[in-house]
Amino acid sequence: MAQDQRGVPSGLPASLAPPSAPAMAQAEPPAVSFPRAASHASTLAEVTAGHAALRSGRLGEALEAYARAREADPLSLEAHLFMGIGFHLAGQPENATACLRSALFLDPDLWPAELYLALSLENLGQAEDACRHWVRALEGRASPLPSQTRGSPLEDFEEWKADRLRRHAGPRGSVADAASSSP
């Protein structure tokens, strides 16, 4: 059967013919921009500035830095976590709760967020919800802190966490026992 220059049998309609191979482009491909990668440096700088302010007790400055980090990268786990911790330390449990829930949405196994969420919920008088988060924090206590928290105010947190969980369990037994006996 005869074929045309594209290799299409002459008896077939062009709509059934295989597409012709595209010509190889000689031009340089366009530069690709990665906005999240570009914002990572500014996010890291703001989180680091927030850590320095938080360590020195300048809560307002720390919260502003974490807010800028969160604005630069809304998916920044560190920004949500440390903003929640900052709000907790500033005595704003409603704001802390919102930030810490966002951090847990981004990483459901982030036990520091569970711990501070439990503390914030206790401050709001929500004992049952707080107990559930205490249990989750206790279950995650064997998990190491994520690497992004190194150099942050959570660096020496492992021992404090274990002590706080022991004190919270108190005379009732374990936090898990308390949670299982609640309705």
C-alpha atoms as a PDB file:
ATOM      1  CA  MET A   1       0.000   0.000   0.000  1.00  0.00           C
ATOM      2  CA  ALA A   2       1.317   3.422  -0.885  1.00  0.00           C
ATOM      3  CA  GLN A   3       2.241   5.826   1.909  1.00  0.00           C
ATOM      4  CA  ASP A   4       2.544   9.568   2.046  1.00  0.00           C
ATOM      5  CA  GLN A   5       5.579  11.450   3.400  1.00  0.00           C
ATOM      6  CA  ARG A   6       4.442  10.898   7.042  1.00  0.00           C
ATOM      7  CA  GLY A   7       4.137   7.151   6.556  1.00  0.00           C
ATOM      8  CA  VAL A   8       0.344   7.211   6.468  1.00  0.00           C
ATOM      9  CA  PRO A   9      -1.148   4.634   4.121  1.00  0.00           C
ATOM     10  CA  SER A  10      -2.721   6.603   1.313  1.00  0.00           C
ATOM     11  CA  GLY A  11      -6.048   4.828   1.760  1.00  0.00           C
ATOM     12  CA  LEU A  12      -6.569   6.005   5.407  1.00  0.00           C
ATOM     13  CA  PRO A  13      -8.057   9.321   6.390  1.00  0.00           C
ATOM     14  CA  ALA A  14      -5.550  11.698   8.013  1.00  0.00           C
ATOM     15  CA  SER A  15      -7.536  11.655  11.302  1.00  0.00           C
ATOM     16  CA  LEU A  16      -6.615   7.973  11.791  1.00  0.00           C
ATOM     17  CA  ALA A  17      -2.956   8.510  10.985  1.00  0.00           C
ATOM     18  CA  PRO A  18      -0.369   8.481  13.744  1.00  0.00           C
ATOM     19  CA  PRO A  19       0.748  11.941  14.741  1.00  0.00           C
ATOM     20  CA  SER A  20       3.941  13.144  13.189  1.00  0.00           C
ATOM     21  CA  ALA A  21       6.949  13.392  15.445  1.00  0.00           C
ATOM     22  CA  PRO A  22       7.494  16.883  16.776  1.00  0.00           C
ATOM     23  CA  ALA A  23      10.553  18.715  15.590  1.00  0.00           C
ATOM     24  CA  MET A  24      13.358  18.877  18.116  1.00  0.00           C
ATOM     25  CA  ALA A  25      13.534  22.313  19.662  1.00  0.00           C
ATOM     26  CA  GLN A  26      16.879  24.025  19.451  1.00  0.00           C
ATOM     27  CA  ALA A  27      16.046  26.837  21.858  1.00  0.00           C
ATOM     28  CA  GLU A  28      16.924  26.767  25.554  1.00  0.00           C
ATOM     29  CA  PRO A  29      14.070  25.643  27.786  1.00  0.00           C
ATOM     30  CA  PRO A  30      12.504  28.461  29.794  1.00  0.00           C
ATOM     31  CA  ALA A  31      13.804  28.973  33.305  1.00  0.00           C
ATOM     32  CA  VAL A  32      11.583  27.356  35.903  1.00  0.00           C
ATOM     33  CA  SER A  33      10.812  29.200  39.096  1.00  0.00           C
ATOM     34  CA  PHE A  34      10.203  27.351  42.344  1.00  0.00           C
ATOM     35  CA  PRO A  35       8.533  29.894  44.646  1.00  0.00           C
ATOM     36  CA  ARG A  36       8.425  27.567  47.651  1.00  0.00           C
ATOM     37  CA  ALA A  37      12.141  26.826  47.364  1.00  0.00           C
ATOM     38  CA  ALA A  38      12.849  30.540  47.093  1.00  0.00           C
ATOM     39  CA  SER A  39      10.732  31.244  50.163  1.00  0.00           C
ATOM     40  CA  HIS A  40      12.476  28.487  52.142  1.00  0.00           C
ATOM     41  CA  ALA A  41      15.496  30.681  52.842  1.00  0.00           C
ATOM     42  CA  SER A  42      13.355  33.538  54.141  1.00  0.00           C
ATOM     43  CA  THR A  43      11.200  31.110  56.135  1.00  0.00           C
ATOM     44  CA  LEU A  44      14.280  29.573  57.740  1.00  0.00           C
ATOM     45  CA  ALA A  45      15.669  33.017  58.555  1.00  0.00           C
ATOM     46  CA  GLU A  46      12.395  34.092  60.189  1.00  0.00           C
ATOM     47  CA  VAL A  47      12.061  30.847  62.162  1.00  0.00           C
ATOM     48  CA  THR A  48      15.658  31.221  63.377  1.00  0.00           C
ATOM     49  CA  ALA A  49      14.968  34.836  64.396  1.00  0.00           C
ATOM     50  CA  GLY A  50      11.835  33.659  66.192  1.00  0.00           C
ATOM     51  CA  HIS A  51      13.828  31.021  68.082  1.00  0.00           C
ATOM     52  CA  ALA A  52      16.349  33.637  69.238  1.00  0.00           C
ATOM     53  CA  ALA A  53      13.577  35.957  70.402  1.00  0.00           C
ATOM     54  CA  LEU A  54      11.691  33.133  72.121  1.00  0.00           C
ATOM     55  CA  ARG A  55      14.810  31.941  73.950  1.00  0.00           C
ATOM     56  CA  SER A  56      15.391  35.455  75.291  1.00  0.00           C
ATOM     57  CA  GLY A  57      11.772  35.920  76.384  1.00  0.00           C
ATOM     58  CA  ARG A  58      10.744  38.420  73.702  1.00  0.00           C
ATOM     59  CA  LEU A  59       7.441  36.706  72.913  1.00  0.00           C
ATOM     60  CA  GLY A  60       5.959  39.482  70.788  1.00  0.00           C
ATOM     61  CA  GLU A  61       9.031  39.609  68.576  1.00  0.00           C
ATOM     62  CA  ALA A  62       9.080  35.811  68.318  1.00  0.00           C
ATOM     63  CA  LEU A  63       5.411  35.672  67.317  1.00  0.00           C
ATOM     64  CA  GLU A  64       5.975  38.338  64.654  1.00  0.00           C
ATOM     65  CA  ALA A  65       8.912  36.374  63.209  1.00  0.00           C
ATOM     66  CA  TYR A  66       6.930  33.130  63.158  1.00  0.00           C
ATOM     67  CA  ALA A  67       3.994  34.952  61.512  1.00  0.00           C
ATOM     68  CA  ARG A  68       6.325  36.227  58.770  1.00  0.00           C
ATOM     69  CA  ALA A  69       7.662  32.687  58.313  1.00  0.00           C
ATOM     70  CA  ARG A  70       4.138  31.319  58.040  1.00  0.00           C
ATOM     71  CA  GLU A  71       3.236  34.026  55.536  1.00  0.00           C
ATOM     72  CA  ALA A  72       6.309  33.194  53.429  1.00  0.00           C
ATOM     73  CA  ASP A  73       5.517  29.475  53.537  1.00  0.00           C
ATOM     74  CA  PRO A  74       2.025  28.496  54.737  1.00  0.00           C
ATOM     75  CA  LEU A  75       3.153  24.845  54.851  1.00  0.00           C
ATOM     76  CA  SER A  76       6.017  25.542  57.259  1.00  0.00           C
ATOM     77  CA  LEU A  77       5.624  23.057  60.080  1.00  0.00           C
ATOM     78  CA  GLU A  78       8.108  24.991  62.219  1.00  0.00           C
ATOM     79  CA  ALA A  79       6.224  28.268  61.845  1.00  0.00           C
ATOM     80  CA  HIS A  80       2.913  26.735  62.971  1.00  0.00           C
ATOM     81  CA  LEU A  81       4.471  24.735  65.816  1.00  0.00           C
ATOM     82  CA  PHE A  82       6.553  27.522  67.316  1.00  0.00           C
ATOM     83  CA  MET A  83       3.870  30.133  66.818  1.00  0.00           C
ATOM     84  CA  GLY A  84       1.574  27.855  68.817  1.00  0.00           C
ATOM     85  CA  ILE A  85       4.204  27.458  71.531  1.00  0.00           C
ATOM     86  CA  GLY A  86       4.708  31.227  71.589  1.00  0.00           C
ATOM     87  CA  PHE A  87       0.976  31.856  71.949  1.00  0.00           C
ATOM     88  CA  HIS A  88       0.817  29.266  74.740  1.00  0.00           C
ATOM     89  CA  LEU A  89       3.670  30.975  76.583  1.00  0.00           C
ATOM     90  CA  ALA A  90       1.986  34.359  76.037  1.00  0.00           C
ATOM     91  CA  GLY A  91      -1.192  33.082  77.712  1.00  0.00           C
ATOM     92  CA  GLN A  92      -3.268  33.002  74.533  1.00  0.00           C
ATOM     93  CA  PRO A  93      -4.574  29.416  74.468  1.00  0.00           C
ATOM     94  CA  GLU A  94      -7.169  30.056  71.736  1.00  0.00           C
ATOM     95  CA  ASN A  95      -4.504  31.231  69.292  1.00  0.00           C
ATOM     96  CA  ALA A  96      -2.113  28.513  70.456  1.00  0.00           C
ATOM     97  CA  THR A  97      -4.731  25.839  69.833  1.00  0.00           C
ATOM     98  CA  ALA A  98      -5.331  26.991  66.244  1.00  0.00           C
ATOM     99  CA  CYS A  99      -1.607  27.035  65.401  1.00  0.00           C
ATOM    100  CA  LEU A 100      -0.907  23.697  67.055  1.00  0.00           C
ATOM    101  CA  ARG A 101      -3.811  22.024  65.260  1.00  0.00           C
ATOM    102  CA  SER A 102      -2.338  23.336  61.993  1.00  0.00           C
ATOM    103  CA  ALA A 103       1.042  21.848  62.909  1.00  0.00           C
ATOM    104  CA  LEU A 104      -0.629  18.503  63.628  1.00  0.00           C
ATOM    105  CA  PHE A 105      -2.438  18.680  60.308  1.00  0.00           C
ATOM    106  CA  LEU A 106       0.954  19.026  58.615  1.00  0.00           C
ATOM    107  CA  ASP A 107       2.533  16.265  60.740  1.00  0.00           C
ATOM    108  CA  PRO A 108       0.110  14.104  62.774  1.00  0.00           C
ATOM    109  CA  ASP A 109       3.007  12.477  64.686  1.00  0.00           C
ATOM    110  CA  LEU A 110       4.524  15.733  65.981  1.00  0.00           C
ATOM    111  CA  TRP A 111       4.371  15.052  69.716  1.00  0.00           C
ATOM    112  CA  PRO A 112       5.504  18.545  70.851  1.00  0.00           C
ATOM    113  CA  ALA A 113       2.409  19.931  69.126  1.00  0.00           C
ATOM    114  CA  GLU A 114       0.292  17.308  70.934  1.00  0.00           C
ATOM    115  CA  LEU A 115       1.878  18.267  74.247  1.00  0.00           C
ATOM    116  CA  TYR A 116       1.377  22.013  73.877  1.00  0.00           C
ATOM    117  CA  LEU A 117      -2.105  21.452  72.487  1.00  0.00           C
ATOM    118  CA  ALA A 118      -2.948  19.450  75.625  1.00  0.00           C
ATOM    119  CA  LEU A 119      -1.616  22.275  77.811  1.00  0.00           C
ATOM    120  CA  SER A 120      -3.569  24.890  75.843  1.00  0.00           C
ATOM    121  CA  LEU A 121      -6.773  22.857  75.987  1.00  0.00           C
ATOM    122  CA  GLU A 122      -6.327  22.478  79.753  1.00  0.00           C
ATOM    123  CA  ASN A 123      -6.044  26.269  79.997  1.00  0.00           C
ATOM    124  CA  LEU A 124      -9.303  26.551  78.058  1.00  0.00           C
ATOM    125  CA  GLY A 125     -11.011  24.134  80.471  1.00  0.00           C
ATOM    126  CA  GLN A 126     -11.396  21.403  77.857  1.00  0.00           C
ATOM    127  CA  ALA A 127     -10.190  18.519  80.022  1.00  0.00           C
ATOM    128  CA  GLU A 128     -11.474  15.636  77.876  1.00  0.00           C
ATOM    129  CA  ASP A 129      -9.880  16.960  74.698  1.00  0.00           C
ATOM    130  CA  ALA A 130      -6.697  17.745  76.621  1.00  0.00           C
ATOM    131  CA  CYS A 131      -6.557  14.186  77.963  1.00  0.00           C
ATOM    132  CA  ARG A 132      -6.760  12.739  74.441  1.00  0.00           C
ATOM    133  CA  HIS A 133      -3.823  14.882  73.373  1.00  0.00           C
ATOM    134  CA  TRP A 134      -1.857  13.974  76.519  1.00  0.00           C
ATOM    135  CA  VAL A 135      -2.293  10.321  75.581  1.00  0.00           C
ATOM    136  CA  ARG A 136      -1.129  10.984  72.014  1.00  0.00           C
ATOM    137  CA  ALA A 137       1.880  12.900  73.354  1.00  0.00           C
ATOM    138  CA  LEU A 138       2.677  10.011  75.695  1.00  0.00           C
ATOM    139  CA  GLU A 139       2.390   7.490  72.876  1.00  0.00           C
ATOM    140  CA  GLY A 140       4.814   9.563  70.822  1.00  0.00           C
ATOM    141  CA  ARG A 141       7.365  10.013  73.566  1.00  0.00           C
ATOM    142  CA  ALA A 142       9.722   7.423  72.088  1.00  0.00           C
ATOM    143  CA  SER A 143       9.774   9.326  68.808  1.00  0.00           C
ATOM    144  CA  PRO A 144      12.711  11.698  68.501  1.00  0.00           C
ATOM    145  CA  LEU A 145      12.090  15.345  67.783  1.00  0.00           C
ATOM    146  CA  PRO A 146      12.029  16.167  64.092  1.00  0.00           C
ATOM    147  CA  SER A 147      15.340  17.480  62.775  1.00  0.00           C
ATOM    148  CA  GLN A 148      13.874  20.909  62.032  1.00  0.00           C
ATOM    149  CA  THR A 149      13.524  21.554  65.781  1.00  0.00           C
ATOM    150  CA  ARG A 150      17.255  21.231  66.413  1.00  0.00           C
ATOM    151  CA  GLY A 151      18.662  24.533  67.617  1.00  0.00           C
ATOM    152  CA  SER A 152      15.203  25.622  68.716  1.00  0.00           C
ATOM    153  CA  PRO A 153      13.759  26.080  72.188  1.00  0.00           C
ATOM    154  CA  LEU A 154      12.723  22.399  72.031  1.00  0.00           C
ATOM    155  CA  GLU A 155      16.291  21.158  71.824  1.00  0.00           C
ATOM    156  CA  ASP A 156      16.413  20.026  75.467  1.00  0.00           C
ATOM    157  CA  PHE A 157      12.758  19.083  75.561  1.00  0.00           C
ATOM    158  CA  GLU A 158      12.948  15.284  75.915  1.00  0.00           C
ATOM    159  CA  GLU A 159      13.655  15.279  79.665  1.00  0.00           C
ATOM    160  CA  TRP A 160      11.124  18.037  80.383  1.00  0.00           C
ATOM    161  CA  LYS A 161       8.459  16.143  78.456  1.00  0.00           C
ATOM    162  CA  ALA A 162       8.993  12.916  80.378  1.00  0.00           C
ATOM    163  CA  ASP A 163       8.852  14.801  83.692  1.00  0.00           C
ATOM    164  CA  ARG A 164       5.681  16.685  82.712  1.00  0.00           C
ATOM    165  CA  LEU A 165       3.974  13.493  81.607  1.00  0.00           C
ATOM    166  CA  ARG A 166       4.883  11.772  84.894  1.00  0.00           C
ATOM    167  CA  ARG A 167       3.560  14.742  86.892  1.00  0.00           C
ATOM    168  CA  HIS A 168       0.386  14.870  84.805  1.00  0.00           C
ATOM    169  CA  ALA A 169      -0.309  11.182  85.437  1.00  0.00           C
ATOM    170  CA  GLY A 170      -0.056  11.891  89.166  1.00  0.00           C
ATOM    171  CA  PRO A 171      -1.848   9.651  91.671  1.00  0.00           C
ATOM    172  CA  ARG A 172      -4.397   8.456  89.121  1.00  0.00           C
ATOM    173  CA  GLY A 173      -1.865   6.184  87.479  1.00  0.00           C
ATOM    174  CA  SER A 174      -1.019   6.681  83.874  1.00  0.00           C
ATOM    175  CA  VAL A 175      -2.403   9.222  81.472  1.00  0.00           C
ATOM    176  CA  ALA A 176      -3.527   6.307  79.303  1.00  0.00           C
ATOM    177  CA  ASP A 177      -5.477   4.866  82.271  1.00  0.00           C
ATOM    178  CA  ALA A 178      -7.152   8.224  82.802  1.00  0.00           C
ATOM    179  CA  ALA A 179      -8.096   8.442  79.131  1.00  0.00           C
ATOM    180  CA  SER A 180      -9.504   4.922  79.001  1.00  0.00           C
ATOM    181  CA  SER A 181     -11.705   5.551  82.028  1.00  0.00           C
ATOM    182  CA  SER A 182     -13.170   8.768  80.598  1.00  0.00           C
ATOM    183  CA  PRO A 183     -16.438   8.504  78.636  1.00  0.00           C
END
